[in-house]
Amino acid sequence: MTEAIGWVSSLILILTITRQIHKQWKDHTSEGVSKWLFIGQVSASAGFAIYSYLLGNWVFVVTNLVMLLSAFIGLGIVLYQKRIQGRQ
């Protein structure tokens, strides 16, 4: 039961972040979204993934690796959209 709670919570977090990144992309704007949010997320997710691996906690290893990927995608979207807006 403990593992199930962890995996369900992980799925909820991942779906929430994925939805936000999708909205950012679909709306063609990152207004109000700082690149530092994603830079911080990259750092934290990488650190937590390593920490979780060392503890042998696979729920958090997987969750933080997916969050790390989402941080890179979100950062890429912010930088791309800011560059496009700078051209207009």
PDB file of N, CA and C in Angstrom:
ATOM      1  N   MET A   1       0.819  -1.195   0.000  1.00  0.00           N
ATOM      2  CA  MET A   1       0.000   0.000   0.000  1.00  0.00           C
ATOM      3  C   MET A   1       0.866   1.264   0.000  1.00  0.00           C
ATOM      4  N   THR A   2       1.971   1.246   0.721  1.00  0.00           N
ATOM      5  CA  THR A   2       2.863   2.400   0.793  1.00  0.00           C
ATOM      6  C   THR A   2       3.408   2.748  -0.590  1.00  0.00           C
ATOM      7  N   GLU A   3       3.853   1.721  -1.331  1.00  0.00           N
ATOM      8  CA  GLU A   3       4.382   1.946  -2.683  1.00  0.00           C
ATOM      9  C   GLU A   3       3.296   2.494  -3.601  1.00  0.00           C
ATOM     10  N   ALA A   4       2.077   1.993  -3.472  1.00  0.00           N
ATOM     11  CA  ALA A   4       0.974   2.466  -4.312  1.00  0.00           C
ATOM     12  C   ALA A   4       0.708   3.948  -4.080  1.00  0.00           C
ATOM     13  N   ILE A   5       0.733   4.370  -2.838  1.00  0.00           N
ATOM     14  CA  ILE A   5       0.534   5.789  -2.530  1.00  0.00           C
ATOM     15  C   ILE A   5       1.635   6.620  -3.188  1.00  0.00           C
ATOM     16  N   GLY A   6       2.863   6.147  -3.104  1.00  0.00           N
ATOM     17  CA  GLY A   6       3.993   6.844  -3.725  1.00  0.00           C
ATOM     18  C   GLY A   6       3.851   6.956  -5.229  1.00  0.00           C
ATOM     19  N   TRP A   7       3.502   5.852  -5.900  1.00  0.00           N
ATOM     20  CA  TRP A   7       3.372   5.862  -7.354  1.00  0.00           C
ATOM     21  C   TRP A   7       2.196   6.716  -7.815  1.00  0.00           C
ATOM     22  N   VAL A   8       1.078   6.653  -7.113  1.00  0.00           N
ATOM     23  CA  VAL A   8      -0.083   7.480  -7.468  1.00  0.00           C
ATOM     24  C   VAL A   8       0.249   8.959  -7.282  1.00  0.00           C
ATOM     25  N   SER A   9       0.900   9.295  -6.197  1.00  0.00           N
ATOM     26  CA  SER A   9       1.302  10.687  -5.955  1.00  0.00           C
ATOM     27  C   SER A   9       2.276  11.163  -7.028  1.00  0.00           C
ATOM     28  N   SER A  10       3.193  10.308  -7.413  1.00  0.00           N
ATOM     29  CA  SER A  10       4.146  10.618  -8.472  1.00  0.00           C
ATOM     30  C   SER A  10       3.418  10.904  -9.785  1.00  0.00           C
ATOM     31  N   LEU A  11       2.470  10.065 -10.118  1.00  0.00           N
ATOM     32  CA  LEU A  11       1.703  10.237 -11.346  1.00  0.00           C
ATOM     33  C   LEU A  11       0.943  11.565 -11.335  1.00  0.00           C
ATOM     34  N   ILE A  12       0.333  11.897 -10.213  1.00  0.00           N
ATOM     35  CA  ILE A  12      -0.397  13.167 -10.100  1.00  0.00           C
ATOM     36  C   ILE A  12       0.543  14.352 -10.323  1.00  0.00           C
ATOM     37  N   LEU A  13       1.714  14.321  -9.694  1.00  0.00           N
ATOM     38  CA  LEU A  13       2.685  15.402  -9.857  1.00  0.00           C
ATOM     39  C   LEU A  13       3.132  15.521 -11.306  1.00  0.00           C
ATOM     40  N   ILE A  14       3.457  14.410 -11.922  1.00  0.00           N
ATOM     41  CA  ILE A  14       3.933  14.417 -13.309  1.00  0.00           C
ATOM     42  C   ILE A  14       2.848  14.923 -14.254  1.00  0.00           C
ATOM     43  N   LEU A  15       1.618  14.478 -14.066  1.00  0.00           N
ATOM     44  CA  LEU A  15       0.521  14.947 -14.915  1.00  0.00           C
ATOM     45  C   LEU A  15       0.279  16.444 -14.744  1.00  0.00           C
ATOM     46  N   THR A  16       0.386  16.930 -13.522  1.00  0.00           N
ATOM     47  CA  THR A  16       0.189  18.357 -13.254  1.00  0.00           C
ATOM     48  C   THR A  16       1.241  19.194 -13.967  1.00  0.00           C
ATOM     49  N   ILE A  17       2.493  18.802 -13.838  1.00  0.00           N
ATOM     50  CA  ILE A  17       3.590  19.546 -14.480  1.00  0.00           C
ATOM     51  C   ILE A  17       3.490  19.440 -16.000  1.00  0.00           C
ATOM     52  N   THR A  18       3.176  18.253 -16.496  1.00  0.00           N
ATOM     53  CA  THR A  18       3.035  18.054 -17.945  1.00  0.00           C
ATOM     54  C   THR A  18       1.938  18.945 -18.500  1.00  0.00           C
ATOM     55  N   ARG A  19       0.842  19.044 -17.794  1.00  0.00           N
ATOM     56  CA  ARG A  19      -0.276  19.891 -18.231  1.00  0.00           C
ATOM     57  C   ARG A  19       0.154  21.356 -18.296  1.00  0.00           C
ATOM     58  N   GLN A  20       0.906  21.812 -17.313  1.00  0.00           N
ATOM     59  CA  GLN A  20       1.359  23.206 -17.303  1.00  0.00           C
ATOM     60  C   GLN A  20       2.299  23.485 -18.477  1.00  0.00           C
ATOM     61  N   ILE A  21       3.218  22.574 -18.729  1.00  0.00           N
ATOM     62  CA  ILE A  21       4.155  22.763 -19.847  1.00  0.00           C
ATOM     63  C   ILE A  21       3.404  22.742 -21.172  1.00  0.00           C
ATOM     64  N   HIS A  22       2.434  21.851 -21.301  1.00  0.00           N
ATOM     65  CA  HIS A  22       1.622  21.786 -22.529  1.00  0.00           C
ATOM     66  C   HIS A  22       0.868  23.098 -22.742  1.00  0.00           C
ATOM     67  N   LYS A  23       0.303  23.647 -21.683  1.00  0.00           N
ATOM     68  CA  LYS A  23      -0.430  24.919 -21.777  1.00  0.00           C
ATOM     69  C   LYS A  23       0.502  26.045 -22.207  1.00  0.00           C
ATOM     70  N   GLN A  24       1.671  26.065 -21.639  1.00  0.00           N
ATOM     71  CA  GLN A  24       2.674  27.074 -21.985  1.00  0.00           C
ATOM     72  C   GLN A  24       2.998  26.998 -23.482  1.00  0.00           C
ATOM     73  N   TRP A  25       3.163  25.792 -23.990  1.00  0.00           N
ATOM     74  CA  TRP A  25       3.492  25.597 -25.403  1.00  0.00           C
ATOM     75  C   TRP A  25       2.307  25.957 -26.283  1.00  0.00           C
ATOM     76  N   LYS A  26       1.132  25.457 -25.932  1.00  0.00           N
ATOM     77  CA  LYS A  26      -0.077  25.665 -26.729  1.00  0.00           C
ATOM     78  C   LYS A  26      -0.461  27.142 -26.806  1.00  0.00           C
ATOM     79  N   ASP A  27      -0.323  27.867 -25.696  1.00  0.00           N
ATOM     80  CA  ASP A  27      -0.693  29.285 -25.658  1.00  0.00           C
ATOM     81  C   ASP A  27       0.376  30.184 -26.272  1.00  0.00           C
ATOM     82  N   HIS A  28       1.513  29.612 -26.644  1.00  0.00           N
ATOM     83  CA  HIS A  28       2.618  30.364 -27.264  1.00  0.00           C
ATOM     84  C   HIS A  28       3.097  31.525 -26.390  1.00  0.00           C
ATOM     85  N   THR A  29       3.061  31.317 -25.093  1.00  0.00           N
ATOM     86  CA  THR A  29       3.564  32.359 -24.205  1.00  0.00           C
ATOM     87  C   THR A  29       4.124  31.752 -22.926  1.00  0.00           C
ATOM     88  N   SER A  30       5.166  32.380 -22.453  1.00  0.00           N
ATOM     89  CA  SER A  30       5.747  32.018 -21.160  1.00  0.00           C
ATOM     90  C   SER A  30       5.737  33.244 -20.269  1.00  0.00           C
ATOM     91  N   GLU A  31       4.806  34.148 -20.545  1.00  0.00           N
ATOM     92  CA  GLU A  31       4.697  35.373 -19.760  1.00  0.00           C
ATOM     93  C   GLU A  31       4.508  35.035 -18.286  1.00  0.00           C
ATOM     94  N   GLY A  32       5.311  35.649 -17.465  1.00  0.00           N
ATOM     95  CA  GLY A  32       5.230  35.420 -16.031  1.00  0.00           C
ATOM     96  C   GLY A  32       5.965  34.181 -15.551  1.00  0.00           C
ATOM     97  N   VAL A  33       6.579  33.440 -16.477  1.00  0.00           N
ATOM     98  CA  VAL A  33       7.323  32.235 -16.104  1.00  0.00           C
ATOM     99  C   VAL A  33       8.811  32.548 -16.211  1.00  0.00           C
ATOM    100  N   SER A  34       9.510  32.433 -15.110  1.00  0.00           N
ATOM    101  CA  SER A  34      10.937  32.734 -15.076  1.00  0.00           C
ATOM    102  C   SER A  34      11.753  31.511 -15.483  1.00  0.00           C
ATOM    103  N   LYS A  35      12.810  31.751 -16.248  1.00  0.00           N
ATOM    104  CA  LYS A  35      13.716  30.658 -16.593  1.00  0.00           C
ATOM    105  C   LYS A  35      14.365  30.095 -15.336  1.00  0.00           C
ATOM    106  N   TRP A  36      14.474  30.919 -14.272  1.00  0.00           N
ATOM    107  CA  TRP A  36      15.097  30.478 -13.036  1.00  0.00           C
ATOM    108  C   TRP A  36      14.264  29.417 -12.319  1.00  0.00           C
ATOM    109  N   LEU A  37      12.957  29.414 -12.568  1.00  0.00           N
ATOM    110  CA  LEU A  37      12.109  28.347 -12.022  1.00  0.00           C
ATOM    111  C   LEU A  37      12.605  26.993 -12.527  1.00  0.00           C
ATOM    112  N   PHE A  38      12.848  26.910 -13.822  1.00  0.00           N
ATOM    113  CA  PHE A  38      13.269  25.647 -14.418  1.00  0.00           C
ATOM    114  C   PHE A  38      14.729  25.330 -14.116  1.00  0.00           C
ATOM    115  N   ILE A  39      15.560  26.342 -14.013  1.00  0.00           N
ATOM    116  CA  ILE A  39      16.957  26.110 -13.636  1.00  0.00           C
ATOM    117  C   ILE A  39      17.014  25.533 -12.221  1.00  0.00           C
ATOM    118  N   GLY A  40      16.218  26.096 -11.326  1.00  0.00           N
ATOM    119  CA  GLY A  40      16.131  25.556  -9.969  1.00  0.00           C
ATOM    120  C   GLY A  40      15.571  24.143  -9.955  1.00  0.00           C
ATOM    121  N   GLN A  41      14.573  23.902 -10.807  1.00  0.00           N
ATOM    122  CA  GLN A  41      13.972  22.562 -10.881  1.00  0.00           C
ATOM    123  C   GLN A  41      14.983  21.547 -11.402  1.00  0.00           C
ATOM    124  N   VAL A  42      15.791  21.930 -12.377  1.00  0.00           N
ATOM    125  CA  VAL A  42      16.836  21.033 -12.897  1.00  0.00           C
ATOM    126  C   VAL A  42      17.785  20.650 -11.774  1.00  0.00           C
ATOM    127  N   SER A  43      18.248  21.643 -11.046  1.00  0.00           N
ATOM    128  CA  SER A  43      19.202  21.389  -9.958  1.00  0.00           C
ATOM    129  C   SER A  43      18.601  20.502  -8.873  1.00  0.00           C
ATOM    130  N   ALA A  44      17.399  20.854  -8.437  1.00  0.00           N
ATOM    131  CA  ALA A  44      16.750  20.087  -7.368  1.00  0.00           C
ATOM    132  C   ALA A  44      16.413  18.667  -7.816  1.00  0.00           C
ATOM    133  N   SER A  45      15.864  18.526  -9.016  1.00  0.00           N
ATOM    134  CA  SER A  45      15.472  17.193  -9.488  1.00  0.00           C
ATOM    135  C   SER A  45      16.687  16.286  -9.682  1.00  0.00           C
ATOM    136  N   ALA A  46      17.773  16.841 -10.200  1.00  0.00           N
ATOM    137  CA  ALA A  46      18.996  16.050 -10.361  1.00  0.00           C
ATOM    138  C   ALA A  46      19.518  15.601  -8.996  1.00  0.00           C
ATOM    139  N   GLY A  47      19.571  16.531  -8.063  1.00  0.00           N
ATOM    140  CA  GLY A  47      20.034  16.186  -6.719  1.00  0.00           C
ATOM    141  C   GLY A  47      19.144  15.165  -6.039  1.00  0.00           C
ATOM    142  N   PHE A  48      17.828  15.348  -6.139  1.00  0.00           N
ATOM    143  CA  PHE A  48      16.901  14.399  -5.526  1.00  0.00           C
ATOM    144  C   PHE A  48      16.940  13.034  -6.208  1.00  0.00           C
ATOM    145  N   ALA A  49      17.160  13.001  -7.524  1.00  0.00           N
ATOM    146  CA  ALA A  49      17.260  11.714  -8.226  1.00  0.00           C
ATOM    147  C   ALA A  49      18.478  10.934  -7.723  1.00  0.00           C
ATOM    148  N   ILE A  50      19.601  11.615  -7.586  1.00  0.00           N
ATOM    149  CA  ILE A  50      20.814  10.967  -7.083  1.00  0.00           C
ATOM    150  C   ILE A  50      20.608  10.497  -5.644  1.00  0.00           C
ATOM    151  N   TYR A  51      20.071  11.364  -4.823  1.00  0.00           N
ATOM    152  CA  TYR A  51      19.790  11.045  -3.419  1.00  0.00           C
ATOM    153  C   TYR A  51      18.851   9.836  -3.324  1.00  0.00           C
ATOM    154  N   SER A  52      17.790   9.844  -4.113  1.00  0.00           N
ATOM    155  CA  SER A  52      16.818   8.747  -4.086  1.00  0.00           C
ATOM    156  C   SER A  52      17.440   7.435  -4.542  1.00  0.00           C
ATOM    157  N   TYR A  53      18.307   7.523  -5.566  1.00  0.00           N
ATOM    158  CA  TYR A  53      19.001   6.323  -6.039  1.00  0.00           C
ATOM    159  C   TYR A  53      19.877   5.747  -4.927  1.00  0.00           C
ATOM    160  N   LEU A  54      20.603   6.617  -4.245  1.00  0.00           N
ATOM    161  CA  LEU A  54      21.482   6.166  -3.160  1.00  0.00           C
ATOM    162  C   LEU A  54      20.691   5.527  -2.017  1.00  0.00           C
ATOM    163  N   LEU A  55      19.455   5.985  -1.830  1.00  0.00           N
ATOM    164  CA  LEU A  55      18.590   5.386  -0.811  1.00  0.00           C
ATOM    165  C   LEU A  55      17.854   4.151  -1.317  1.00  0.00           C
ATOM    166  N   GLY A  56      17.876   3.945  -2.639  1.00  0.00           N
ATOM    167  CA  GLY A  56      17.174   2.813  -3.231  1.00  0.00           C
ATOM    168  C   GLY A  56      15.666   3.025  -3.316  1.00  0.00           C
ATOM    169  N   ASN A  57      15.222   4.283  -3.385  1.00  0.00           N
ATOM    170  CA  ASN A  57      13.803   4.594  -3.455  1.00  0.00           C
ATOM    171  C   ASN A  57      13.419   4.854  -4.908  1.00  0.00           C
ATOM    172  N   TRP A  58      12.870   3.834  -5.571  1.00  0.00           N
ATOM    173  CA  TRP A  58      12.606   3.908  -7.000  1.00  0.00           C
ATOM    174  C   TRP A  58      11.449   4.817  -7.357  1.00  0.00           C
ATOM    175  N   VAL A  59      10.503   4.991  -6.454  1.00  0.00           N
ATOM    176  CA  VAL A  59       9.415   5.946  -6.723  1.00  0.00           C
ATOM    177  C   VAL A  59      10.009   7.331  -6.953  1.00  0.00           C
ATOM    178  N   PHE A  60      10.907   7.743  -6.064  1.00  0.00           N
ATOM    179  CA  PHE A  60      11.482   9.070  -6.181  1.00  0.00           C
ATOM    180  C   PHE A  60      12.548   9.159  -7.268  1.00  0.00           C
ATOM    181  N   VAL A  61      13.233   8.079  -7.549  1.00  0.00           N
ATOM    182  CA  VAL A  61      14.197   8.095  -8.657  1.00  0.00           C
ATOM    183  C   VAL A  61      13.454   8.380  -9.958  1.00  0.00           C
ATOM    184  N   VAL A  62      12.418   7.607 -10.225  1.00  0.00           N
ATOM    185  CA  VAL A  62      11.652   7.772 -11.468  1.00  0.00           C
ATOM    186  C   VAL A  62      10.995   9.142 -11.509  1.00  0.00           C
ATOM    187  N   THR A  63      10.348   9.521 -10.423  1.00  0.00           N
ATOM    188  CA  THR A  63       9.662  10.815 -10.378  1.00  0.00           C
ATOM    189  C   THR A  63      10.626  11.959 -10.657  1.00  0.00           C
ATOM    190  N   ASN A  64      11.771  11.946 -10.012  1.00  0.00           N
ATOM    191  CA  ASN A  64      12.712  13.054 -10.185  1.00  0.00           C
ATOM    192  C   ASN A  64      13.398  13.038 -11.537  1.00  0.00           C
ATOM    193  N   LEU A  65      13.583  11.887 -12.135  1.00  0.00           N
ATOM    194  CA  LEU A  65      14.121  11.857 -13.497  1.00  0.00           C
ATOM    195  C   LEU A  65      13.106  12.414 -14.491  1.00  0.00           C
ATOM    196  N   VAL A  66      11.841  12.090 -14.310  1.00  0.00           N
ATOM    197  CA  VAL A  66      10.801  12.656 -15.176  1.00  0.00           C
ATOM    198  C   VAL A  66      10.680  14.160 -14.941  1.00  0.00           C
ATOM    199  N   MET A  67      10.776  14.588 -13.689  1.00  0.00           N
ATOM    200  CA  MET A  67      10.735  16.016 -13.382  1.00  0.00           C
ATOM    201  C   MET A  67      11.949  16.742 -13.968  1.00  0.00           C
ATOM    202  N   LEU A  68      13.096  16.081 -13.978  1.00  0.00           N
ATOM    203  CA  LEU A  68      14.292  16.652 -14.589  1.00  0.00           C
ATOM    204  C   LEU A  68      14.075  16.861 -16.086  1.00  0.00           C
ATOM    205  N   LEU A  69      13.515  15.857 -16.745  1.00  0.00           N
ATOM    206  CA  LEU A  69      13.202  15.975 -18.169  1.00  0.00           C
ATOM    207  C   LEU A  69      12.211  17.108 -18.406  1.00  0.00           C
ATOM    208  N   SER A  70      11.170  17.182 -17.575  1.00  0.00           N
ATOM    209  CA  SER A  70      10.169  18.240 -17.749  1.00  0.00           C
ATOM    210  C   SER A  70      10.783  19.621 -17.524  1.00  0.00           C
ATOM    211  N   ALA A  71      11.742  19.727 -16.626  1.00  0.00           N
ATOM    212  CA  ALA A  71      12.406  21.007 -16.383  1.00  0.00           C
ATOM    213  C   ALA A  71      13.192  21.453 -17.611  1.00  0.00           C
ATOM    214  N   PHE A  72      13.883  20.517 -18.254  1.00  0.00           N
ATOM    215  CA  PHE A  72      14.611  20.865 -19.475  1.00  0.00           C
ATOM    216  C   PHE A  72      13.653  21.277 -20.584  1.00  0.00           C
ATOM    217  N   ILE A  73      12.541  20.582 -20.706  1.00  0.00           N
ATOM    218  CA  ILE A  73      11.545  20.934 -21.723  1.00  0.00           C
ATOM    219  C   ILE A  73      10.950  22.308 -21.420  1.00  0.00           C
ATOM    220  N   GLY A  74      10.563  22.536 -20.170  1.00  0.00           N
ATOM    221  CA  GLY A  74       9.996  23.833 -19.789  1.00  0.00           C
ATOM    222  C   GLY A  74      10.977  24.964 -20.014  1.00  0.00           C
ATOM    223  N   LEU A  75      12.225  24.760 -19.647  1.00  0.00           N
ATOM    224  CA  LEU A  75      13.254  25.775 -19.862  1.00  0.00           C
ATOM    225  C   LEU A  75      13.431  26.047 -21.355  1.00  0.00           C
ATOM    226  N   GLY A  76      13.449  25.007 -22.138  1.00  0.00           N
ATOM    227  CA  GLY A  76      13.571  25.171 -23.590  1.00  0.00           C
ATOM    228  C   GLY A  76      12.423  25.985 -24.165  1.00  0.00           C
ATOM    229  N   ILE A  77      11.213  25.730 -23.689  1.00  0.00           N
ATOM    230  CA  ILE A  77      10.048  26.475 -24.164  1.00  0.00           C
ATOM    231  C   ILE A  77      10.163  27.948 -23.770  1.00  0.00           C
ATOM    232  N   VAL A  78      10.534  28.216 -22.524  1.00  0.00           N
ATOM    233  CA  VAL A  78      10.678  29.607 -22.062  1.00  0.00           C
ATOM    234  C   VAL A  78      11.720  30.334 -22.907  1.00  0.00           C
ATOM    235  N   LEU A  79      12.881  29.732 -23.099  1.00  0.00           N
ATOM    236  CA  LEU A  79      13.944  30.382 -23.866  1.00  0.00           C
ATOM    237  C   LEU A  79      13.533  30.589 -25.318  1.00  0.00           C
ATOM    238  N   TYR A  80      12.881  29.594 -25.912  1.00  0.00           N
ATOM    239  CA  TYR A  80      12.414  29.695 -27.297  1.00  0.00           C
ATOM    240  C   TYR A  80      11.395  30.825 -27.439  1.00  0.00           C
ATOM    241  N   GLN A  81      10.408  30.849 -26.540  1.00  0.00           N
ATOM    242  CA  GLN A  81       9.362  31.863 -26.651  1.00  0.00           C
ATOM    243  C   GLN A  81       9.893  33.260 -26.375  1.00  0.00           C
ATOM    244  N   LYS A  82      10.817  33.406 -25.464  1.00  0.00           N
ATOM    245  CA  LYS A  82      11.413  34.714 -25.200  1.00  0.00           C
ATOM    246  C   LYS A  82      12.234  35.178 -26.405  1.00  0.00           C
ATOM    247  N   ARG A  83      12.888  34.255 -27.082  1.00  0.00           N
ATOM    248  CA  ARG A  83      13.663  34.604 -28.266  1.00  0.00           C
ATOM    249  C   ARG A  83      12.732  35.040 -29.403  1.00  0.00           C
ATOM    250  N   ILE A  84      11.627  34.309 -29.578  1.00  0.00           N
ATOM    251  CA  ILE A  84      10.643  34.645 -30.612  1.00  0.00           C
ATOM    252  C   ILE A  84      10.025  36.017 -30.317  1.00  0.00           C
ATOM    253  N   GLN A  85       9.660  36.268 -29.068  1.00  0.00           N
ATOM    254  CA  GLN A  85       9.051  37.547 -28.686  1.00  0.00           C
ATOM    255  C   GLN A  85      10.043  38.697 -28.884  1.00  0.00           C
ATOM    256  N   GLY A  86      11.320  38.421 -28.711  1.00  0.00           N
ATOM    257  CA  GLY A  86      12.343  39.451 -28.901  1.00  0.00           C
ATOM    258  C   GLY A  86      12.475  39.860 -30.351  1.00  0.00           C
ATOM    259  N   ARG A  87      12.085  39.003 -31.264  1.00  0.00           N
ATOM    260  CA  ARG A  87      12.170  39.302 -32.701  1.00  0.00           C
ATOM    261  C   ARG A  87      11.007  40.142 -33.180  1.00  0.00           C
ATOM    262  N   GLN A  88       9.931  40.185 -32.424  1.00  0.00           N
ATOM    263  CA  GLN A  88       8.730  40.886 -32.884  1.00  0.00           C
ATOM    264  C   GLN A  88       8.788  42.354 -32.599  1.00  0.00           C
TER     265      GLN A  88
END
